[in-house]
Amino acid sequence: MHARQAKFGVAKITHELREKGVSQELIEAAVEQVKGNELDNAKEIWRKKFKVSPASREEWAKQARFLQSRGFGFDIIKKVLNQQKTDE
């Protein structure tokens, strides 16, 4: 799980654990650990892939889809992409 959190968000990790037959109690405990670092993980994953803030709606959507495919929720995606604009 620790190795996966550097690449994926809560939704993807939860799905993978369910597929492997892990009990719901253990999944919930794992999710609590991952949620604390989810925003930082999403920022780091975004930074490695894109490096530049989206300049258009199409680019924003592309970057959002990438983060969503990695298992991050829309609230995290909005924070990452909107923060990148304000940082520049």
PDB file of N, CA and C in Angstrom:
ATOM      1  N   MET A   1       0.817  -1.187   0.000  1.00  0.00           N
ATOM      2  CA  MET A   1       0.000   0.000   0.000  1.00  0.00           C
ATOM      3  C   MET A   1       0.861   1.251   0.000  1.00  0.00           C
ATOM      4  N   HIS A   2       1.942   1.242   0.762  1.00  0.00           N
ATOM      5  CA  HIS A   2       2.781   2.434   0.835  1.00  0.00           C
ATOM      6  C   HIS A   2       3.414   2.751  -0.516  1.00  0.00           C
ATOM      7  N   ALA A   3       3.782   1.727  -1.252  1.00  0.00           N
ATOM      8  CA  ALA A   3       4.363   1.940  -2.573  1.00  0.00           C
ATOM      9  C   ALA A   3       3.320   2.481  -3.542  1.00  0.00           C
ATOM     10  N   ARG A   4       2.089   2.055  -3.416  1.00  0.00           N
ATOM     11  CA  ARG A   4       1.021   2.474  -4.320  1.00  0.00           C
ATOM     12  C   ARG A   4       0.594   3.913  -4.074  1.00  0.00           C
ATOM     13  N   GLN A   5       0.692   4.403  -2.840  1.00  0.00           N
ATOM     14  CA  GLN A   5       0.207   5.751  -2.554  1.00  0.00           C
ATOM     15  C   GLN A   5       1.071   6.819  -3.215  1.00  0.00           C
ATOM     16  N   ALA A   6       2.291   6.486  -3.606  1.00  0.00           N
ATOM     17  CA  ALA A   6       3.142   7.446  -4.308  1.00  0.00           C
ATOM     18  C   ALA A   6       2.705   7.625  -5.757  1.00  0.00           C
ATOM     19  N   LYS A   7       1.865   6.711  -6.254  1.00  0.00           N
ATOM     20  CA  LYS A   7       1.431   6.779  -7.647  1.00  0.00           C
ATOM     21  C   LYS A   7      -0.073   6.948  -7.820  1.00  0.00           C
ATOM     22  N   PHE A   8      -0.842   6.596  -6.795  1.00  0.00           N
ATOM     23  CA  PHE A   8      -2.290   6.544  -6.957  1.00  0.00           C
ATOM     24  C   PHE A   8      -3.021   7.207  -5.801  1.00  0.00           C
ATOM     25  N   GLY A   9      -4.280   7.558  -6.058  1.00  0.00           N
ATOM     26  CA  GLY A   9      -5.133   8.158  -5.049  1.00  0.00           C
ATOM     27  C   GLY A   9      -5.938   7.113  -4.294  1.00  0.00           C
ATOM     28  N   VAL A  10      -6.778   7.599  -3.403  1.00  0.00           N
ATOM     29  CA  VAL A  10      -7.562   6.746  -2.519  1.00  0.00           C
ATOM     30  C   VAL A  10      -8.489   5.810  -3.294  1.00  0.00           C
ATOM     31  N   ALA A  11      -9.162   6.326  -4.309  1.00  0.00           N
ATOM     32  CA  ALA A  11     -10.127   5.509  -5.045  1.00  0.00           C
ATOM     33  C   ALA A  11      -9.458   4.312  -5.708  1.00  0.00           C
ATOM     34  N   LYS A  12      -8.330   4.531  -6.321  1.00  0.00           N
ATOM     35  CA  LYS A  12      -7.621   3.444  -7.008  1.00  0.00           C
ATOM     36  C   LYS A  12      -7.084   2.416  -6.009  1.00  0.00           C
ATOM     37  N   ILE A  13      -6.530   2.892  -4.913  1.00  0.00           N
ATOM     38  CA  ILE A  13      -6.003   1.977  -3.898  1.00  0.00           C
ATOM     39  C   ILE A  13      -7.125   1.150  -3.283  1.00  0.00           C
ATOM     40  N   THR A  14      -8.242   1.790  -2.986  1.00  0.00           N
ATOM     41  CA  THR A  14      -9.396   1.081  -2.430  1.00  0.00           C
ATOM     42  C   THR A  14      -9.875  -0.005  -3.390  1.00  0.00           C
ATOM     43  N   HIS A  15      -9.967   0.343  -4.650  1.00  0.00           N
ATOM     44  CA  HIS A  15     -10.414  -0.620  -5.654  1.00  0.00           C
ATOM     45  C   HIS A  15      -9.466  -1.819  -5.742  1.00  0.00           C
ATOM     46  N   GLU A  16      -8.174  -1.548  -5.755  1.00  0.00           N
ATOM     47  CA  GLU A  16      -7.194  -2.634  -5.838  1.00  0.00           C
ATOM     48  C   GLU A  16      -7.254  -3.542  -4.610  1.00  0.00           C
ATOM     49  N   LEU A  17      -7.422  -2.952  -3.440  1.00  0.00           N
ATOM     50  CA  LEU A  17      -7.503  -3.763  -2.229  1.00  0.00           C
ATOM     51  C   LEU A  17      -8.753  -4.644  -2.233  1.00  0.00           C
ATOM     52  N   ARG A  18      -9.880  -4.089  -2.707  1.00  0.00           N
ATOM     53  CA  ARG A  18     -11.112  -4.888  -2.794  1.00  0.00           C
ATOM     54  C   ARG A  18     -10.931  -6.054  -3.758  1.00  0.00           C
ATOM     55  N   GLU A  19     -10.256  -5.791  -4.889  1.00  0.00           N
ATOM     56  CA  GLU A  19     -10.029  -6.855  -5.866  1.00  0.00           C
ATOM     57  C   GLU A  19      -9.206  -7.996  -5.274  1.00  0.00           C
ATOM     58  N   LYS A  20      -8.298  -7.667  -4.377  1.00  0.00           N
ATOM     59  CA  LYS A  20      -7.432  -8.681  -3.775  1.00  0.00           C
ATOM     60  C   LYS A  20      -8.095  -9.388  -2.591  1.00  0.00           C
ATOM     61  N   GLY A  21      -9.331  -8.972  -2.242  1.00  0.00           N
ATOM     62  CA  GLY A  21     -10.067  -9.645  -1.194  1.00  0.00           C
ATOM     63  C   GLY A  21      -9.729  -9.187   0.213  1.00  0.00           C
ATOM     64  N   VAL A  22      -9.191  -8.008   0.358  1.00  0.00           N
ATOM     65  CA  VAL A  22      -8.857  -7.464   1.674  1.00  0.00           C
ATOM     66  C   VAL A  22     -10.152  -7.060   2.375  1.00  0.00           C
ATOM     67  N   SER A  23     -10.225  -7.270   3.678  1.00  0.00           N
ATOM     68  CA  SER A  23     -11.444  -6.946   4.418  1.00  0.00           C
ATOM     69  C   SER A  23     -11.695  -5.446   4.446  1.00  0.00           C
ATOM     70  N   GLN A  24     -12.966  -5.095   4.589  1.00  0.00           N
ATOM     71  CA  GLN A  24     -13.373  -3.685   4.587  1.00  0.00           C
ATOM     72  C   GLN A  24     -12.726  -2.912   5.732  1.00  0.00           C
ATOM     73  N   GLU A  25     -12.556  -3.535   6.874  1.00  0.00           N
ATOM     74  CA  GLU A  25     -11.928  -2.861   8.019  1.00  0.00           C
ATOM     75  C   GLU A  25     -10.489  -2.474   7.719  1.00  0.00           C
ATOM     76  N   LEU A  26      -9.746  -3.382   7.091  1.00  0.00           N
ATOM     77  CA  LEU A  26      -8.360  -3.083   6.731  1.00  0.00           C
ATOM     78  C   LEU A  26      -8.283  -2.022   5.641  1.00  0.00           C
ATOM     79  N   ILE A  27      -9.225  -2.052   4.709  1.00  0.00           N
ATOM     80  CA  ILE A  27      -9.269  -1.037   3.654  1.00  0.00           C
ATOM     81  C   ILE A  27      -9.500   0.339   4.261  1.00  0.00           C
ATOM     82  N   GLU A  28     -10.444   0.426   5.194  1.00  0.00           N
ATOM     83  CA  GLU A  28     -10.737   1.716   5.843  1.00  0.00           C
ATOM     84  C   GLU A  28      -9.525   2.244   6.607  1.00  0.00           C
ATOM     85  N   ALA A  29      -8.803   1.373   7.268  1.00  0.00           N
ATOM     86  CA  ALA A  29      -7.598   1.789   7.987  1.00  0.00           C
ATOM     87  C   ALA A  29      -6.534   2.287   7.012  1.00  0.00           C
ATOM     88  N   ALA A  30      -6.394   1.596   5.896  1.00  0.00           N
ATOM     89  CA  ALA A  30      -5.413   2.003   4.889  1.00  0.00           C
ATOM     90  C   ALA A  30      -5.785   3.344   4.265  1.00  0.00           C
ATOM     91  N   VAL A  31      -7.073   3.540   4.012  1.00  0.00           N
ATOM     92  CA  VAL A  31      -7.542   4.787   3.408  1.00  0.00           C
ATOM     93  C   VAL A  31      -7.268   5.972   4.333  1.00  0.00           C
ATOM     94  N   GLU A  32      -7.432   5.787   5.606  1.00  0.00           N
ATOM     95  CA  GLU A  32      -7.162   6.868   6.557  1.00  0.00           C
ATOM     96  C   GLU A  32      -5.700   7.304   6.495  1.00  0.00           C
ATOM     97  N   GLN A  33      -4.799   6.361   6.332  1.00  0.00           N
ATOM     98  CA  GLN A  33      -3.376   6.692   6.223  1.00  0.00           C
ATOM     99  C   GLN A  33      -3.086   7.444   4.936  1.00  0.00           C
ATOM    100  N   VAL A  34      -3.692   7.015   3.849  1.00  0.00           N
ATOM    101  CA  VAL A  34      -3.427   7.613   2.544  1.00  0.00           C
ATOM    102  C   VAL A  34      -4.048   9.003   2.437  1.00  0.00           C
ATOM    103  N   LYS A  35      -5.231   9.203   3.012  1.00  0.00           N
ATOM    104  CA  LYS A  35      -5.927  10.483   2.894  1.00  0.00           C
ATOM    105  C   LYS A  35      -5.121  11.654   3.447  1.00  0.00           C
ATOM    106  N   GLY A  36      -4.333  11.422   4.457  1.00  0.00           N
ATOM    107  CA  GLY A  36      -3.558  12.505   5.046  1.00  0.00           C
ATOM    108  C   GLY A  36      -2.542  13.093   4.090  1.00  0.00           C
ATOM    109  N   ASN A  37      -2.042  12.285   3.168  1.00  0.00           N
ATOM    110  CA  ASN A  37      -1.020  12.735   2.223  1.00  0.00           C
ATOM    111  C   ASN A  37      -1.528  12.839   0.792  1.00  0.00           C
ATOM    112  N   GLU A  38      -2.818  12.672   0.593  1.00  0.00           N
ATOM    113  CA  GLU A  38      -3.339  12.586  -0.767  1.00  0.00           C
ATOM    114  C   GLU A  38      -3.087  13.848  -1.586  1.00  0.00           C
ATOM    115  N   LEU A  39      -3.285  15.010  -1.014  1.00  0.00           N
ATOM    116  CA  LEU A  39      -3.072  16.254  -1.759  1.00  0.00           C
ATOM    117  C   LEU A  39      -1.602  16.397  -2.158  1.00  0.00           C
ATOM    118  N   ASP A  40      -0.700  16.134  -1.242  1.00  0.00           N
ATOM    119  CA  ASP A  40       0.730  16.221  -1.556  1.00  0.00           C
ATOM    120  C   ASP A  40       1.130  15.200  -2.618  1.00  0.00           C
ATOM    121  N   ASN A  41       0.581  13.992  -2.526  1.00  0.00           N
ATOM    122  CA  ASN A  41       0.873  12.966  -3.531  1.00  0.00           C
ATOM    123  C   ASN A  41       0.360  13.386  -4.904  1.00  0.00           C
ATOM    124  N   ALA A  42      -0.841  13.942  -4.942  1.00  0.00           N
ATOM    125  CA  ALA A  42      -1.416  14.388  -6.216  1.00  0.00           C
ATOM    126  C   ALA A  42      -0.565  15.499  -6.827  1.00  0.00           C
ATOM    127  N   LYS A  43      -0.103  16.430  -6.007  1.00  0.00           N
ATOM    128  CA  LYS A  43       0.755  17.516  -6.514  1.00  0.00           C
ATOM    129  C   LYS A  43       2.042  16.960  -7.103  1.00  0.00           C
ATOM    130  N   GLU A  44       2.633  16.011  -6.427  1.00  0.00           N
ATOM    131  CA  GLU A  44       3.897  15.442  -6.890  1.00  0.00           C
ATOM    132  C   GLU A  44       3.706  14.663  -8.193  1.00  0.00           C
ATOM    133  N   ILE A  45       2.646  13.896  -8.281  1.00  0.00           N
ATOM    134  CA  ILE A  45       2.352  13.142  -9.500  1.00  0.00           C
ATOM    135  C   ILE A  45       2.094  14.106 -10.654  1.00  0.00           C
ATOM    136  N   TRP A  46       1.321  15.163 -10.394  1.00  0.00           N
ATOM    137  CA  TRP A  46       1.049  16.168 -11.424  1.00  0.00           C
ATOM    138  C   TRP A  46       2.345  16.825 -11.882  1.00  0.00           C
ATOM    139  N   ARG A  47       3.189  17.193 -10.941  1.00  0.00           N
ATOM    140  CA  ARG A  47       4.449  17.881 -11.249  1.00  0.00           C
ATOM    141  C   ARG A  47       5.355  17.011 -12.125  1.00  0.00           C
ATOM    142  N   LYS A  48       5.405  15.728 -11.844  1.00  0.00           N
ATOM    143  CA  LYS A  48       6.243  14.821 -12.634  1.00  0.00           C
ATOM    144  C   LYS A  48       5.741  14.698 -14.072  1.00  0.00           C
ATOM    145  N   LYS A  49       4.428  14.719 -14.248  1.00  0.00           N
ATOM    146  CA  LYS A  49       3.840  14.509 -15.569  1.00  0.00           C
ATOM    147  C   LYS A  49       3.773  15.789 -16.398  1.00  0.00           C
ATOM    148  N   PHE A  50       3.348  16.900 -15.815  1.00  0.00           N
ATOM    149  CA  PHE A  50       3.022  18.078 -16.613  1.00  0.00           C
ATOM    150  C   PHE A  50       3.975  19.262 -16.443  1.00  0.00           C
ATOM    151  N   LYS A  51       4.373  19.579 -15.251  1.00  0.00           N
ATOM    152  CA  LYS A  51       5.316  20.672 -14.964  1.00  0.00           C
ATOM    153  C   LYS A  51       4.785  22.072 -15.259  1.00  0.00           C
ATOM    154  N   VAL A  52       3.786  22.218 -16.138  1.00  0.00           N
ATOM    155  CA  VAL A  52       3.258  23.526 -16.518  1.00  0.00           C
ATOM    156  C   VAL A  52       1.752  23.548 -16.279  1.00  0.00           C
ATOM    157  N   SER A  53       1.269  24.652 -15.710  1.00  0.00           N
ATOM    158  CA  SER A  53      -0.166  24.792 -15.457  1.00  0.00           C
ATOM    159  C   SER A  53      -0.957  24.785 -16.759  1.00  0.00           C
ATOM    160  N   PRO A  54      -2.194  24.326 -16.703  1.00  0.00           N
ATOM    161  CA  PRO A  54      -3.011  24.306 -17.921  1.00  0.00           C
ATOM    162  C   PRO A  54      -3.297  25.725 -18.407  1.00  0.00           C
ATOM    163  N   ALA A  55      -3.124  25.946 -19.701  1.00  0.00           N
ATOM    164  CA  ALA A  55      -3.333  27.267 -20.287  1.00  0.00           C
ATOM    165  C   ALA A  55      -4.735  27.418 -20.877  1.00  0.00           C
ATOM    166  N   SER A  56      -5.399  26.310 -21.140  1.00  0.00           N
ATOM    167  CA  SER A  56      -6.730  26.368 -21.737  1.00  0.00           C
ATOM    168  C   SER A  56      -7.653  25.384 -21.030  1.00  0.00           C
ATOM    169  N   ARG A  57      -8.920  25.467 -21.376  1.00  0.00           N
ATOM    170  CA  ARG A  57      -9.898  24.540 -20.797  1.00  0.00           C
ATOM    171  C   ARG A  57      -9.592  23.101 -21.205  1.00  0.00           C
ATOM    172  N   GLU A  58      -9.162  22.926 -22.452  1.00  0.00           N
ATOM    173  CA  GLU A  58      -8.850  21.586 -22.940  1.00  0.00           C
ATOM    174  C   GLU A  58      -7.663  20.994 -22.175  1.00  0.00           C
ATOM    175  N   GLU A  59      -6.647  21.808 -21.945  1.00  0.00           N
ATOM    176  CA  GLU A  59      -5.478  21.335 -21.199  1.00  0.00           C
ATOM    177  C   GLU A  59      -5.849  21.038 -19.741  1.00  0.00           C
ATOM    178  N   TRP A  60      -6.701  21.874 -19.155  1.00  0.00           N
ATOM    179  CA  TRP A  60      -7.166  21.639 -17.781  1.00  0.00           C
ATOM    180  C   TRP A  60      -7.892  20.303 -17.717  1.00  0.00           C
ATOM    181  N   ALA A  61      -8.760  20.058 -18.694  1.00  0.00           N
ATOM    182  CA  ALA A  61      -9.521  18.808 -18.724  1.00  0.00           C
ATOM    183  C   ALA A  61      -8.594  17.606 -18.903  1.00  0.00           C
ATOM    184  N   LYS A  62      -7.583  17.752 -19.745  1.00  0.00           N
ATOM    185  CA  LYS A  62      -6.623  16.668 -19.963  1.00  0.00           C
ATOM    186  C   LYS A  62      -5.887  16.323 -18.671  1.00  0.00           C
ATOM    187  N   GLN A  63      -5.424  17.346 -17.972  1.00  0.00           N
ATOM    188  CA  GLN A  63      -4.708  17.123 -16.726  1.00  0.00           C
ATOM    189  C   GLN A  63      -5.631  16.556 -15.651  1.00  0.00           C
ATOM    190  N   ALA A  64      -6.875  17.024 -15.634  1.00  0.00           N
ATOM    191  CA  ALA A  64      -7.845  16.513 -14.665  1.00  0.00           C
ATOM    192  C   ALA A  64      -8.141  15.038 -14.929  1.00  0.00           C
ATOM    193  N   ARG A  65      -8.286  14.669 -16.201  1.00  0.00           N
ATOM    194  CA  ARG A  65      -8.540  13.262 -16.541  1.00  0.00           C
ATOM    195  C   ARG A  65      -7.369  12.380 -16.123  1.00  0.00           C
ATOM    196  N   PHE A  66      -6.161  12.879 -16.302  1.00  0.00           N
ATOM    197  CA  PHE A  66      -4.987  12.113 -15.891  1.00  0.00           C
ATOM    198  C   PHE A  66      -5.030  11.839 -14.391  1.00  0.00           C
ATOM    199  N   LEU A  67      -5.264  12.884 -13.599  1.00  0.00           N
ATOM    200  CA  LEU A  67      -5.312  12.704 -12.147  1.00  0.00           C
ATOM    201  C   LEU A  67      -6.482  11.812 -11.736  1.00  0.00           C
ATOM    202  N   GLN A  68      -7.603  11.950 -12.430  1.00  0.00           N
ATOM    203  CA  GLN A  68      -8.759  11.111 -12.129  1.00  0.00           C
ATOM    204  C   GLN A  68      -8.447   9.647 -12.431  1.00  0.00           C
ATOM    205  N   SER A  69      -7.716   9.395 -13.501  1.00  0.00           N
ATOM    206  CA  SER A  69      -7.365   8.011 -13.839  1.00  0.00           C
ATOM    207  C   SER A  69      -6.424   7.405 -12.804  1.00  0.00           C
ATOM    208  N   ARG A  70      -5.732   8.253 -12.071  1.00  0.00           N
ATOM    209  CA  ARG A  70      -4.844   7.793 -11.008  1.00  0.00           C
ATOM    210  C   ARG A  70      -5.584   7.590  -9.692  1.00  0.00           C
ATOM    211  N   GLY A  71      -6.879   7.887  -9.661  1.00  0.00           N
ATOM    212  CA  GLY A  71      -7.679   7.582  -8.481  1.00  0.00           C
ATOM    213  C   GLY A  71      -7.902   8.742  -7.538  1.00  0.00           C
ATOM    214  N   PHE A  72      -7.688   9.962  -8.003  1.00  0.00           N
ATOM    215  CA  PHE A  72      -7.914  11.131  -7.152  1.00  0.00           C
ATOM    216  C   PHE A  72      -9.317  11.672  -7.384  1.00  0.00           C
ATOM    217  N   GLY A  73      -9.926  12.170  -6.312  1.00  0.00           N
ATOM    218  CA  GLY A  73     -11.257  12.746  -6.385  1.00  0.00           C
ATOM    219  C   GLY A  73     -11.225  14.145  -6.975  1.00  0.00           C
ATOM    220  N   PHE A  74     -12.399  14.613  -7.392  1.00  0.00           N
ATOM    221  CA  PHE A  74     -12.481  15.911  -8.061  1.00  0.00           C
ATOM    222  C   PHE A  74     -12.057  17.060  -7.155  1.00  0.00           C
ATOM    223  N   ASP A  75     -12.342  16.966  -5.863  1.00  0.00           N
ATOM    224  CA  ASP A  75     -11.934  18.032  -4.951  1.00  0.00           C
ATOM    225  C   ASP A  75     -10.416  18.165  -4.885  1.00  0.00           C
ATOM    226  N   ILE A  76      -9.716  17.056  -4.871  1.00  0.00           N
ATOM    227  CA  ILE A  76      -8.246  17.069  -4.869  1.00  0.00           C
ATOM    228  C   ILE A  76      -7.738  17.603  -6.209  1.00  0.00           C
ATOM    229  N   ILE A  77      -8.344  17.156  -7.299  1.00  0.00           N
ATOM    230  CA  ILE A  77      -7.926  17.595  -8.631  1.00  0.00           C
ATOM    231  C   ILE A  77      -8.068  19.111  -8.758  1.00  0.00           C
ATOM    232  N   LYS A  78      -9.204  19.652  -8.325  1.00  0.00           N
ATOM    233  CA  LYS A  78      -9.407  21.105  -8.393  1.00  0.00           C
ATOM    234  C   LYS A  78      -8.353  21.842  -7.583  1.00  0.00           C
ATOM    235  N   LYS A  79      -8.059  21.354  -6.397  1.00  0.00           N
ATOM    236  CA  LYS A  79      -7.053  22.013  -5.559  1.00  0.00           C
ATOM    237  C   LYS A  79      -5.686  22.007  -6.234  1.00  0.00           C
ATOM    238  N   VAL A  80      -5.315  20.890  -6.815  1.00  0.00           N
ATOM    239  CA  VAL A  80      -3.995  20.780  -7.452  1.00  0.00           C
ATOM    240  C   VAL A  80      -3.915  21.710  -8.655  1.00  0.00           C
ATOM    241  N   LEU A  81      -4.883  21.639  -9.554  1.00  0.00           N
ATOM    242  CA  LEU A  81      -4.811  22.425 -10.773  1.00  0.00           C
ATOM    243  C   LEU A  81      -5.005  23.912 -10.532  1.00  0.00           C
ATOM    244  N   ASN A  82      -5.878  24.288  -9.617  1.00  0.00           N
ATOM    245  CA  ASN A  82      -6.083  25.697  -9.330  1.00  0.00           C
ATOM    246  C   ASN A  82      -4.913  26.278  -8.546  1.00  0.00           C
ATOM    247  N   GLN A  83      -4.282  25.488  -7.698  1.00  0.00           N
ATOM    248  CA  GLN A  83      -3.129  25.976  -6.947  1.00  0.00           C
ATOM    249  C   GLN A  83      -1.938  26.196  -7.867  1.00  0.00           C
ATOM    250  N   GLN A  84      -1.808  25.382  -8.880  1.00  0.00           N
ATOM    251  CA  GLN A  84      -0.696  25.553  -9.810  1.00  0.00           C
ATOM    252  C   GLN A  84      -0.808  26.889 -10.537  1.00  0.00           C
ATOM    253  N   LYS A  85      -2.035  27.309 -10.855  1.00  0.00           N
ATOM    254  CA  LYS A  85      -2.225  28.615 -11.495  1.00  0.00           C
ATOM    255  C   LYS A  85      -1.827  29.755 -10.585  1.00  0.00           C
ATOM    256  N   THR A  86      -2.184  29.657  -9.309  1.00  0.00           N
ATOM    257  CA  THR A  86      -1.877  30.743  -8.383  1.00  0.00           C
ATOM    258  C   THR A  86      -0.400  30.775  -8.011  1.00  0.00           C
ATOM    259  N   ASP A  87       0.286  29.643  -8.109  1.00  0.00           N
ATOM    260  CA  ASP A  87       1.714  29.604  -7.788  1.00  0.00           C
ATOM    261  C   ASP A  87       2.570  30.297  -8.828  1.00  0.00           C
ATOM    262  N   GLU A  88       2.063  30.369 -10.071  1.00  0.00           N
ATOM    263  CA  GLU A  88       2.869  30.960 -11.147  1.00  0.00           C
ATOM    264  C   GLU A  88       2.756  32.447 -11.207  1.00  0.00           C
TER     265      GLU A  88
END
